[in-house]
PDB file of N, CA and C in Angstrom:
ATOM      1  N   UNK A   1      11.548  -6.515   1.688  1.00  0.00           N
ATOM      2  CA  UNK A   1      13.006  -6.655   1.531  1.00  0.00           C
ATOM      3  C   UNK A   1      13.583  -6.420   2.977  1.00  0.00           C
ATOM      4  N   UNK A   2      12.882  -5.399   3.583  1.00  0.00           N
ATOM      5  CA  UNK A   2      13.426  -4.929   4.983  1.00  0.00           C
ATOM      6  C   UNK A   2      13.064  -6.155   5.994  1.00  0.00           C
ATOM      7  N   UNK A   3      11.672  -6.601   5.880  1.00  0.00           N
ATOM      8  CA  UNK A   3      11.386  -7.657   6.683  1.00  0.00           C
ATOM      9  C   UNK A   3      12.355  -8.918   6.465  1.00  0.00           C
ATOM     10  N   UNK A   4      12.520  -9.128   5.244  1.00  0.00           N
ATOM     11  CA  UNK A   4      13.600 -10.451   5.037  1.00  0.00           C
ATOM     12  C   UNK A   4      14.956 -10.170   5.619  1.00  0.00           C
ATOM     13  N   UNK A   5      15.573  -8.938   5.749  1.00  0.00           N
ATOM     14  CA  UNK A   5      16.533  -8.563   6.356  1.00  0.00           C
ATOM     15  C   UNK A   5      16.635  -8.874   7.849  1.00  0.00           C
ATOM     16  N   UNK A   6      15.445  -8.347   8.432  1.00  0.00           N
ATOM     17  CA  UNK A   6      15.321  -8.429   9.835  1.00  0.00           C
ATOM     18  C   UNK A   6      15.111  -9.894  10.247  1.00  0.00           C
ATOM     19  N   UNK A   7      14.254 -10.619   9.304  1.00  0.00           N
ATOM     20  CA  UNK A   7      14.114 -12.240   9.554  1.00  0.00           C
ATOM     21  C   UNK A   7      15.307 -12.982   9.679  1.00  0.00           C
ATOM     22  N   UNK A   8      16.327 -12.422   8.654  1.00  0.00           N
ATOM     23  CA  UNK A   8      17.695 -13.134   8.714  1.00  0.00           C
ATOM     24  C   UNK A   8      18.452 -12.903   9.939  1.00  0.00           C
ATOM     25  N   UNK A   9      18.433 -11.534  10.251  1.00  0.00           N
ATOM     26  CA  UNK A   9      19.103 -11.037  11.327  1.00  0.00           C
ATOM     27  C   UNK A   9      18.773 -11.711  12.668  1.00  0.00           C
ATOM     28  N   UNK A  10      17.362 -11.907  12.867  1.00  0.00           N
ATOM     29  CA  UNK A  10      16.801 -12.364  14.082  1.00  0.00           C
ATOM     30  C   UNK A  10      16.852 -13.900  14.198  1.00  0.00           C
ATOM     31  N   UNK A  11      16.930 -14.617  12.987  1.00  0.00           N
ATOM     32  CA  UNK A  11      17.076 -16.055  12.849  1.00  0.00           C
ATOM     33  C   UNK A  11      18.332 -16.420  13.429  1.00  0.00           C
ATOM     34  N   UNK A  12      19.344 -15.982  13.618  1.00  0.00           N
ATOM     35  CA  UNK A  12      20.609 -16.138  14.044  1.00  0.00           C
ATOM     36  C   UNK A  12      20.492 -16.568  15.599  1.00  0.00           C
ATOM     37  N   UNK A  13      19.521 -15.852  16.019  1.00  0.00           N
ATOM     38  CA  UNK A  13      19.363 -15.879  17.799  1.00  0.00           C
ATOM     39  C   UNK A  13      18.332 -17.072  18.163  1.00  0.00           C
ATOM     40  N   UNK A  14      17.913 -17.814  16.949  1.00  0.00           N
ATOM     41  CA  UNK A  14      17.049 -18.827  17.279  1.00  0.00           C
ATOM     42  C   UNK A  14      17.224 -19.967  16.292  1.00  0.00           C
ATOM     43  N   UNK A  15      18.384 -20.511  16.063  1.00  0.00           N
ATOM     44  CA  UNK A  15      18.692 -21.267  14.773  1.00  0.00           C
ATOM     45  C   UNK A  15      17.876 -22.709  15.002  1.00  0.00           C
ATOM     46  N   UNK A  16      17.303 -22.899  16.107  1.00  0.00           N
ATOM     47  CA  UNK A  16      16.609 -24.273  16.246  1.00  0.00           C
ATOM     48  C   UNK A  16      15.122 -24.004  15.484  1.00  0.00           C
ATOM     49  N   UNK A  17      14.751 -22.855  15.419  1.00  0.00           N
ATOM     50  CA  UNK A  17      13.379 -22.772  14.855  1.00  0.00           C
ATOM     51  C   UNK A  17      13.401 -22.548  13.508  1.00  0.00           C
ATOM     52  N   UNK A  18      14.817 -22.371  12.717  1.00  0.00           N
ATOM     53  CA  UNK A  18      14.841 -22.389  11.331  1.00  0.00           C
ATOM     54  C   UNK A  18      16.002 -23.076  10.752  1.00  0.00           C
ATOM     55  N   UNK A  19      15.965 -24.264  11.594  1.00  0.00           N
ATOM     56  CA  UNK A  19      17.032 -25.237  11.069  1.00  0.00           C
ATOM     57  C   UNK A  19      16.663 -26.197   9.837  1.00  0.00           C
ATOM     58  N   UNK A  20      15.479 -26.155   9.409  1.00  0.00           N
ATOM     59  CA  UNK A  20      15.172 -26.838   8.055  1.00  0.00           C
ATOM     60  C   UNK A  20      14.901 -25.910   7.203  1.00  0.00           C
ATOM     61  N   UNK A  21      14.654 -26.109   5.986  1.00  0.00           N
ATOM     62  CA  UNK A  21      14.166 -25.263   4.898  1.00  0.00           C
ATOM     63  C   UNK A  21      12.576 -24.880   5.099  1.00  0.00           C
ATOM     64  N   UNK A  22      11.995 -26.003   5.391  1.00  0.00           N
ATOM     65  CA  UNK A  22      10.428 -25.949   5.707  1.00  0.00           C
ATOM     66  C   UNK A  22       9.991 -25.044   6.690  1.00  0.00           C
ATOM     67  N   UNK A  23      10.976 -25.288   8.006  1.00  0.00           N
ATOM     68  CA  UNK A  23      10.602 -24.490   9.066  1.00  0.00           C
ATOM     69  C   UNK A  23      11.057 -23.148   8.839  1.00  0.00           C
ATOM     70  N   UNK A  24      12.013 -22.688   8.096  1.00  0.00           N
ATOM     71  CA  UNK A  24      12.391 -21.366   7.856  1.00  0.00           C
ATOM     72  C   UNK A  24      11.273 -20.670   6.969  1.00  0.00           C
ATOM     73  N   UNK A  25      10.950 -21.516   6.018  1.00  0.00           N
ATOM     74  CA  UNK A  25       9.826 -20.890   5.046  1.00  0.00           C
ATOM     75  C   UNK A  25       8.425 -20.520   5.936  1.00  0.00           C
ATOM     76  N   UNK A  26       8.254 -21.500   6.864  1.00  0.00           N
ATOM     77  CA  UNK A  26       7.010 -21.514   7.573  1.00  0.00           C
ATOM     78  C   UNK A  26       6.897 -20.048   8.548  1.00  0.00           C
ATOM     79  N   UNK A  27       8.175 -19.863   9.234  1.00  0.00           N
ATOM     80  CA  UNK A  27       8.278 -18.648   9.893  1.00  0.00           C
ATOM     81  C   UNK A  27       8.289 -17.593   9.076  1.00  0.00           C
ATOM     82  N   UNK A  28       8.898 -17.578   7.964  1.00  0.00           N
ATOM     83  CA  UNK A  28       9.104 -16.316   7.144  1.00  0.00           C
ATOM     84  C   UNK A  28       7.536 -16.077   6.744  1.00  0.00           C
ATOM     85  N   UNK A  29       6.633 -17.163   6.336  1.00  0.00           N
ATOM     86  CA  UNK A  29       5.362 -16.796   5.810  1.00  0.00           C
ATOM     87  C   UNK A  29       4.606 -16.201   7.008  1.00  0.00           C
ATOM     88  N   UNK A  30       4.808 -16.731   8.102  1.00  0.00           N
ATOM     89  CA  UNK A  30       3.711 -16.058   9.141  1.00  0.00           C
ATOM     90  C   UNK A  30       4.279 -14.749   9.678  1.00  0.00           C
ATOM     91  N   UNK A  31       5.267 -14.067   9.172  1.00  0.00           N
ATOM     92  CA  UNK A  31       5.758 -12.751   9.359  1.00  0.00           C
ATOM     93  C   UNK A  31       5.364 -11.714   8.307  1.00  0.00           C
ATOM     94  N   UNK A  32       4.832 -12.402   7.356  1.00  0.00           N
ATOM     95  CA  UNK A  32       4.624 -11.292   5.989  1.00  0.00           C
ATOM     96  C   UNK A  32       3.342 -10.585   6.353  1.00  0.00           C
ATOM     97  N   UNK A  33       3.067  -9.556   5.765  1.00  0.00           N
ATOM     98  CA  UNK A  33       1.843  -8.847   5.698  1.00  0.00           C
ATOM     99  C   UNK A  33       0.702  -9.557   5.140  1.00  0.00           C
ATOM    100  N   UNK A  34      -0.489  -9.473   5.646  1.00  0.00           N
ATOM    101  CA  UNK A  34      -1.545 -10.207   5.314  1.00  0.00           C
ATOM    102  C   UNK A  34      -1.902 -10.432   3.778  1.00  0.00           C
ATOM    103  N   UNK A  35      -1.807  -9.452   3.076  1.00  0.00           N
ATOM    104  CA  UNK A  35      -2.251  -9.511   1.752  1.00  0.00           C
ATOM    105  C   UNK A  35      -1.191 -10.345   0.779  1.00  0.00           C
ATOM    106  N   UNK A  36       0.064 -10.064   1.301  1.00  0.00           N
ATOM    107  CA  UNK A  36       1.170 -10.841   0.725  1.00  0.00           C
ATOM    108  C   UNK A  36       1.311 -12.221   1.281  1.00  0.00           C
ATOM    109  N   UNK A  37       0.907 -12.604   2.479  1.00  0.00           N
ATOM    110  CA  UNK A  37       0.834 -13.920   2.944  1.00  0.00           C
ATOM    111  C   UNK A  37      -0.321 -14.567   2.287  1.00  0.00           C
ATOM    112  N   UNK A  38      -1.327 -14.101   2.056  1.00  0.00           N
ATOM    113  CA  UNK A  38      -2.381 -14.849   1.565  1.00  0.00           C
ATOM    114  C   UNK A  38      -2.305 -15.024   0.010  1.00  0.00           C
ATOM    115  N   UNK A  39      -1.478 -14.459  -0.747  1.00  0.00           N
ATOM    116  CA  UNK A  39      -0.946 -14.764  -2.197  1.00  0.00           C
ATOM    117  C   UNK A  39       0.200 -15.797  -2.183  1.00  0.00           C
ATOM    118  N   UNK A  40       0.945 -15.686  -1.124  1.00  0.00           N
ATOM    119  CA  UNK A  40       2.129 -16.936  -0.839  1.00  0.00           C
ATOM    120  C   UNK A  40       1.481 -18.006  -0.493  1.00  0.00           C
ATOM    121  N   UNK A  41       0.390 -18.222   0.375  1.00  0.00           N
ATOM    122  CA  UNK A  41       0.052 -19.441   0.968  1.00  0.00           C
ATOM    123  C   UNK A  41      -0.376 -20.422   0.082  1.00  0.00           C
ATOM    124  N   UNK A  42      -0.864 -20.009  -1.271  1.00  0.00           N
ATOM    125  CA  UNK A  42      -1.446 -20.909  -2.104  1.00  0.00           C
ATOM    126  C   UNK A  42      -0.385 -21.546  -2.955  1.00  0.00           C
ATOM    127  N   UNK A  43       1.001 -21.430  -2.807  1.00  0.00           N
ATOM    128  CA  UNK A  43       1.941 -21.907  -3.560  1.00  0.00           C
ATOM    129  C   UNK A  43       2.927 -22.844  -2.566  1.00  0.00           C
ATOM    130  N   UNK A  44       3.467 -23.642  -3.368  1.00  0.00           N
ATOM    131  CA  UNK A  44       4.567 -24.650  -2.897  1.00  0.00           C
ATOM    132  C   UNK A  44       5.839 -24.007  -3.237  1.00  0.00           C
ATOM    133  N   UNK A  45       6.806 -24.086  -2.341  1.00  0.00           N
ATOM    134  CA  UNK A  45       8.124 -23.582  -2.747  1.00  0.00           C
ATOM    135  C   UNK A  45       9.213 -24.734  -2.188  1.00  0.00           C
ATOM    136  N   UNK A  46      10.146 -24.971  -3.097  1.00  0.00           N
ATOM    137  CA  UNK A  46      11.140 -25.937  -2.713  1.00  0.00           C
ATOM    138  C   UNK A  46      12.094 -25.321  -1.704  1.00  0.00           C
ATOM    139  N   UNK A  47      12.590 -23.883  -2.099  1.00  0.00           N
ATOM    140  CA  UNK A  47      13.692 -23.142  -1.211  1.00  0.00           C
ATOM    141  C   UNK A  47      13.154 -22.034  -0.713  1.00  0.00           C
ATOM    142  N   UNK A  48      13.906 -21.466   0.326  1.00  0.00           N
ATOM    143  CA  UNK A  48      13.523 -20.316   1.036  1.00  0.00           C
ATOM    144  C   UNK A  48      13.639 -19.181   0.076  1.00  0.00           C
ATOM    145  N   UNK A  49      14.811 -19.082  -0.895  1.00  0.00           N
ATOM    146  CA  UNK A  49      15.129 -18.241  -1.831  1.00  0.00           C
ATOM    147  C   UNK A  49      13.966 -17.964  -2.701  1.00  0.00           C
ATOM    148  N   UNK A  50      13.225 -19.027  -3.250  1.00  0.00           N
ATOM    149  CA  UNK A  50      12.083 -18.778  -4.194  1.00  0.00           C
ATOM    150  C   UNK A  50      11.094 -18.230  -3.344  1.00  0.00           C
ATOM    151  N   UNK A  51      10.660 -18.363  -2.226  1.00  0.00           N
ATOM    152  CA  UNK A  51       9.582 -18.100  -1.625  1.00  0.00           C
ATOM    153  C   UNK A  51      10.000 -16.538  -1.428  1.00  0.00           C
ATOM    154  N   UNK A  52      11.191 -16.082  -1.045  1.00  0.00           N
ATOM    155  CA  UNK A  52      11.470 -14.791  -0.738  1.00  0.00           C
ATOM    156  C   UNK A  52      11.286 -13.734  -1.994  1.00  0.00           C
ATOM    157  N   UNK A  53      11.982 -14.381  -3.262  1.00  0.00           N
ATOM    158  CA  UNK A  53      11.852 -13.484  -4.447  1.00  0.00           C
ATOM    159  C   UNK A  53      10.344 -13.464  -4.854  1.00  0.00           C
ATOM    160  N   UNK A  54       9.459 -14.495  -4.596  1.00  0.00           N
ATOM    161  CA  UNK A  54       8.140 -14.283  -5.009  1.00  0.00           C
ATOM    162  C   UNK A  54       7.312 -13.270  -3.986  1.00  0.00           C
ATOM    163  N   UNK A  55       7.613 -13.283  -2.795  1.00  0.00           N
ATOM    164  CA  UNK A  55       7.153 -12.346  -1.595  1.00  0.00           C
ATOM    165  C   UNK A  55       7.571 -10.795  -2.210  1.00  0.00           C
ATOM    166  N   UNK A  56       8.879 -10.728  -2.637  1.00  0.00           N
ATOM    167  CA  UNK A  56       9.440  -9.464  -2.990  1.00  0.00           C
ATOM    168  C   UNK A  56       8.518  -8.896  -4.290  1.00  0.00           C
ATOM    169  N   UNK A  57       8.212  -9.726  -5.197  1.00  0.00           N
ATOM    170  CA  UNK A  57       7.679  -9.543  -6.476  1.00  0.00           C
ATOM    171  C   UNK A  57       6.327  -9.164  -6.102  1.00  0.00           C
ATOM    172  N   UNK A  58       5.565  -9.928  -5.231  1.00  0.00           N
ATOM    173  CA  UNK A  58       4.041  -9.473  -4.877  1.00  0.00           C
ATOM    174  C   UNK A  58       4.094  -8.110  -4.081  1.00  0.00           C
ATOM    175  N   UNK A  59       4.961  -7.791  -3.123  1.00  0.00           N
ATOM    176  CA  UNK A  59       5.102  -6.607  -2.656  1.00  0.00           C
ATOM    177  C   UNK A  59       5.221  -5.554  -3.345  1.00  0.00           C
ATOM    178  N   UNK A  60       6.048  -5.608  -4.417  1.00  0.00           N
ATOM    179  CA  UNK A  60       6.364  -4.584  -5.445  1.00  0.00           C
ATOM    180  C   UNK A  60       5.092  -4.316  -6.478  1.00  0.00           C
ATOM    181  N   UNK A  61       4.444  -5.278  -6.749  1.00  0.00           N
ATOM    182  CA  UNK A  61       3.083  -5.221  -7.612  1.00  0.00           C
ATOM    183  C   UNK A  61       1.916  -4.562  -6.813  1.00  0.00           C
ATOM    184  N   UNK A  62       1.937  -4.993  -5.721  1.00  0.00           N
ATOM    185  CA  UNK A  62       0.791  -4.399  -4.699  1.00  0.00           C
ATOM    186  C   UNK A  62       1.234  -3.008  -4.450  1.00  0.00           C
ATOM    187  N   UNK A  63       2.553  -2.504  -4.167  1.00  0.00           N
ATOM    188  CA  UNK A  63       2.805  -1.212  -4.120  1.00  0.00           C
ATOM    189  C   UNK A  63       2.568  -0.288  -5.385  1.00  0.00           C
ATOM    190  N   UNK A  64       2.974  -0.843  -6.489  1.00  0.00           N
ATOM    191  CA  UNK A  64       2.628   0.004  -7.650  1.00  0.00           C
ATOM    192  C   UNK A  64       1.149  -0.012  -7.900  1.00  0.00           C
ATOM    193  N   UNK A  65       0.392  -0.963  -7.773  1.00  0.00           N
ATOM    194  CA  UNK A  65      -1.080  -0.973  -7.653  1.00  0.00           C
ATOM    195  C   UNK A  65      -1.551   0.227  -6.775  1.00  0.00           C
ATOM    196  N   UNK A  66      -1.209   0.208  -5.543  1.00  0.00           N
ATOM    197  CA  UNK A  66      -1.468   1.082  -4.580  1.00  0.00           C
ATOM    198  C   UNK A  66      -1.245   2.588  -4.890  1.00  0.00           C
ATOM    199  N   UNK A  67       0.151   2.919  -5.667  1.00  0.00           N
ATOM    200  CA  UNK A  67       0.630   4.071  -5.985  1.00  0.00           C
ATOM    201  C   UNK A  67      -0.506   4.677  -7.269  1.00  0.00           C
ATOM    202  N   UNK A  68      -0.760   3.627  -8.117  1.00  0.00           N
ATOM    203  CA  UNK A  68      -1.455   3.903  -9.319  1.00  0.00           C
ATOM    204  C   UNK A  68      -3.145   4.344  -8.766  1.00  0.00           C
ATOM    205  N   UNK A  69      -3.541   3.643  -7.871  1.00  0.00           N
ATOM    206  CA  UNK A  69      -4.831   3.881  -7.212  1.00  0.00           C
ATOM    207  C   UNK A  69      -4.827   5.339  -6.657  1.00  0.00           C
ATOM    208  N   UNK A  70      -3.902   5.652  -5.960  1.00  0.00           N
ATOM    209  CA  UNK A  70      -3.663   6.849  -5.370  1.00  0.00           C
ATOM    210  C   UNK A  70      -3.601   7.984  -6.100  1.00  0.00           C
ATOM    211  N   UNK A  71      -2.811   7.810  -7.085  1.00  0.00           N
ATOM    212  CA  UNK A  71      -2.625   8.731  -8.510  1.00  0.00           C
ATOM    213  C   UNK A  71      -4.012   9.001  -8.876  1.00  0.00           C
ATOM    214  N   UNK A  72      -4.562   7.950  -9.368  1.00  0.00           N
ATOM    215  CA  UNK A  72      -5.855   8.139 -10.006  1.00  0.00           C
ATOM    216  C   UNK A  72      -7.045   8.872  -9.049  1.00  0.00           C
ATOM    217  N   UNK A  73      -7.144   8.681  -7.874  1.00  0.00           N
ATOM    218  CA  UNK A  73      -8.033   9.307  -6.831  1.00  0.00           C
ATOM    219  C   UNK A  73      -7.368  10.802  -6.730  1.00  0.00           C
ATOM    220  N   UNK A  74      -6.193  11.079  -6.808  1.00  0.00           N
ATOM    221  CA  UNK A  74      -5.766  12.334  -6.548  1.00  0.00           C
ATOM    222  C   UNK A  74      -6.217  13.262  -7.817  1.00  0.00           C
ATOM    223  N   UNK A  75      -6.120  12.693  -9.138  1.00  0.00           N
ATOM    224  CA  UNK A  75      -6.410  13.142 -10.350  1.00  0.00           C
ATOM    225  C   UNK A  75      -7.758  13.453 -10.424  1.00  0.00           C
ATOM    226  N   UNK A  76      -8.720  12.445  -9.969  1.00  0.00           N
ATOM    227  CA  UNK A  76     -10.202  12.730  -9.856  1.00  0.00           C
ATOM    228  C   UNK A  76     -10.572  13.880  -8.986  1.00  0.00           C
ATOM    229  N   UNK A  77      -9.654  13.914  -7.672  1.00  0.00           N
ATOM    230  CA  UNK A  77     -10.098  15.241  -6.967  1.00  0.00           C
ATOM    231  C   UNK A  77      -9.616  16.577  -7.556  1.00  0.00           C
ATOM    232  N   UNK A  78      -8.633  16.564  -8.397  1.00  0.00           N
ATOM    233  CA  UNK A  78      -8.031  17.876  -9.054  1.00  0.00           C
ATOM    234  C   UNK A  78      -9.107  18.048 -10.112  1.00  0.00           C
ATOM    235  N   UNK A  79      -9.710  17.074 -10.846  1.00  0.00           N
ATOM    236  CA  UNK A  79     -10.769  17.378 -11.797  1.00  0.00           C
ATOM    237  C   UNK A  79     -11.854  17.999 -11.390  1.00  0.00           C
ATOM    238  N   UNK A  80     -12.334  17.484 -10.071  1.00  0.00           N
ATOM    239  CA  UNK A  80     -13.579  17.734  -9.343  1.00  0.00           C
ATOM    240  C   UNK A  80     -13.208  19.354  -8.922  1.00  0.00           C
ATOM    241  N   UNK A  81     -12.009  19.635  -8.373  1.00  0.00           N
ATOM    242  CA  UNK A  81     -11.810  21.111  -8.034  1.00  0.00           C
ATOM    243  C   UNK A  81     -11.817  22.034  -9.305  1.00  0.00           C
ATOM    244  N   UNK A  82     -11.275  21.469 -10.341  1.00  0.00           N
ATOM    245  CA  UNK A  82     -11.218  22.315 -11.424  1.00  0.00           C
ATOM    246  C   UNK A  82     -12.584  22.633 -12.009  1.00  0.00           C
ATOM    247  N   UNK A  83     -13.485  21.505 -12.169  1.00  0.00           N
ATOM    248  CA  UNK A  83     -14.804  21.715 -12.516  1.00  0.00           C
ATOM    249  C   UNK A  83     -15.873  22.612 -11.681  1.00  0.00           C
ATOM    250  N   UNK A  84     -15.470  22.462 -10.276  1.00  0.00           N
ATOM    251  CA  UNK A  84     -16.355  23.116  -9.400  1.00  0.00           C
ATOM    252  C   UNK A  84     -15.953  24.453  -9.318  1.00  0.00           C
ATOM    253  N   UNK A  85     -14.591  24.800  -9.423  1.00  0.00           N
ATOM    254  CA  UNK A  85     -14.148  26.502  -9.385  1.00  0.00           C
ATOM    255  C   UNK A  85     -14.375  27.175 -10.630  1.00  0.00           C
ATOM    256  N   UNK A  86     -14.273  26.463 -11.625  1.00  0.00           N
ATOM    257  CA  UNK A  86     -14.456  27.441 -12.982  1.00  0.00           C
ATOM    258  C   UNK A  86     -15.907  27.273 -13.645  1.00  0.00           C
ATOM    259  N   UNK A  87     -16.728  26.366 -13.236  1.00  0.00           N
ATOM    260  CA  UNK A  87     -18.137  26.143 -13.714  1.00  0.00           C
ATOM    261  C   UNK A  87     -19.170  26.494 -12.565  1.00  0.00           C
ATOM    262  N   UNK A  88     -18.782  27.035 -11.501  1.00  0.00           N
ATOM    263  CA  UNK A  88     -19.713  27.422 -10.509  1.00  0.00           C
ATOM    264  C   UNK A  88     -20.166  26.149  -9.885  1.00  0.00           C
ATOM    265  N   UNK A  89     -19.475  25.227  -9.647  1.00  0.00           N
ATOM    266  CA  UNK A  89     -19.897  23.977  -8.953  1.00  0.00           C
ATOM    267  C   UNK A  89     -20.523  24.101  -7.544  1.00  0.00           C
ATOM    268  N   UNK A  90     -20.137  25.213  -6.851  1.00  0.00           N
ATOM    269  CA  UNK A  90     -20.665  25.342  -5.458  1.00  0.00           C
ATOM    270  C   UNK A  90     -21.824  25.716  -5.400  1.00  0.00           C
ATOM    271  N   UNK A  91     -22.803  25.599  -4.262  1.00  0.00           N
ATOM    272  CA  UNK A  91     -24.060  25.837  -4.150  1.00  0.00           C
ATOM    273  C   UNK A  91     -24.061  27.127  -3.342  1.00  0.00           C
ATOM    274  N   UNK A  92     -22.974  27.907  -3.193  1.00  0.00           N
ATOM    275  CA  UNK A  92     -23.122  29.176  -2.644  1.00  0.00           C
ATOM    276  C   UNK A  92     -23.606  30.370  -3.545  1.00  0.00           C
ATOM    277  N   UNK A  93     -24.526  31.110  -2.662  1.00  0.00           N
ATOM    278  CA  UNK A  93     -24.968  32.413  -3.439  1.00  0.00           C
ATOM    279  C   UNK A  93     -23.825  33.410  -3.645  1.00  0.00           C
ATOM    280  N   UNK A  94     -24.032  34.202  -4.415  1.00  0.00           N
ATOM    281  CA  UNK A  94     -23.039  35.398  -4.718  1.00  0.00           C
ATOM    282  C   UNK A  94     -23.231  36.461  -3.607  1.00  0.00           C
ATOM    283  N   UNK A  95     -22.539  36.769  -2.961  1.00  0.00           N
ATOM    284  CA  UNK A  95     -22.746  37.894  -1.934  1.00  0.00           C
ATOM    285  C   UNK A  95     -21.548  39.004  -2.274  1.00  0.00           C
ATOM    286  N   UNK A  96     -22.062  40.124  -2.112  1.00  0.00           N
ATOM    287  CA  UNK A  96     -21.047  41.185  -2.518  1.00  0.00           C
ATOM    288  C   UNK A  96     -20.304  41.362  -1.051  1.00  0.00           C
ATOM    289  N   UNK A  97     -19.095  42.241  -1.477  1.00  0.00           N
ATOM    290  CA  UNK A  97     -18.207  42.463  -0.228  1.00  0.00           C
ATOM    291  C   UNK A  97     -18.461  43.603   0.550  1.00  0.00           C
ATOM    292  N   UNK A  98     -19.646  44.232   0.304  1.00  0.00           N
ATOM    293  CA  UNK A  98     -20.189  45.214   1.152  1.00  0.00           C
ATOM    294  C   UNK A  98     -21.273  44.842   2.140  1.00  0.00           C
ATOM    295  N   UNK A  99     -21.548  45.458   3.248  1.00  0.00           N
ATOM    296  CA  UNK A  99     -22.764  45.025   4.149  1.00  0.00           C
ATOM    297  C   UNK A  99     -23.892  45.222   3.394  1.00  0.00           C
ATOM    298  N   UNK A 100     -24.999  44.466   3.816  1.00  0.00           N
ATOM    299  CA  UNK A 100     -26.205  44.640   3.187  1.00  0.00           C
ATOM    300  C   UNK A 100     -27.008  46.025   3.729  1.00  0.00           C
ATOM    301  N   UNK A 101     -27.750  46.518   2.967  1.00  0.00           N
ATOM    302  CA  UNK A 101     -28.385  47.890   3.437  1.00  0.00           C
ATOM    303  C   UNK A 101     -27.729  49.081   3.080  1.00  0.00           C
ATOM    304  N   UNK A 102     -26.402  49.061   2.804  1.00  0.00           N
ATOM    305  CA  UNK A 102     -25.653  50.139   2.434  1.00  0.00           C
ATOM    306  C   UNK A 102     -25.787  50.114   0.845  1.00  0.00           C
ATOM    307  N   UNK A 103     -25.653  51.392   0.245  1.00  0.00           N
ATOM    308  CA  UNK A 103     -25.725  51.494  -0.982  1.00  0.00           C
ATOM    309  C   UNK A 103     -26.961  51.578  -1.714  1.00  0.00           C
ATOM    310  N   UNK A 104     -27.884  51.571  -1.135  1.00  0.00           N
ATOM    311  CA  UNK A 104     -29.312  51.471  -1.645  1.00  0.00           C
ATOM    312  C   UNK A 104     -29.790  52.808  -2.200  1.00  0.00           C
TER     313      UNK A 104
END
């Protein structure tokens, strides 16, 4: 949505580049992030607003997927820490807190 706002703002300064619906959609598509652009490229839109709404929806779904993946990986890390901390998962040998050779 931020990109669309900036696109609309900047298009006021170059109206000749966005003077038709097709040219407007072409320029908008070129400025999208790669993963969103690749999903939009396979579709044909009659109106800029349709393209914009689809791009926003795709961006939201990608963000949700990324957040879910991040949450899953953080959950896995927490479980690994939990297992390693309470089940002796580390390979370190037990060392007493006093220097060796004393107390013999």
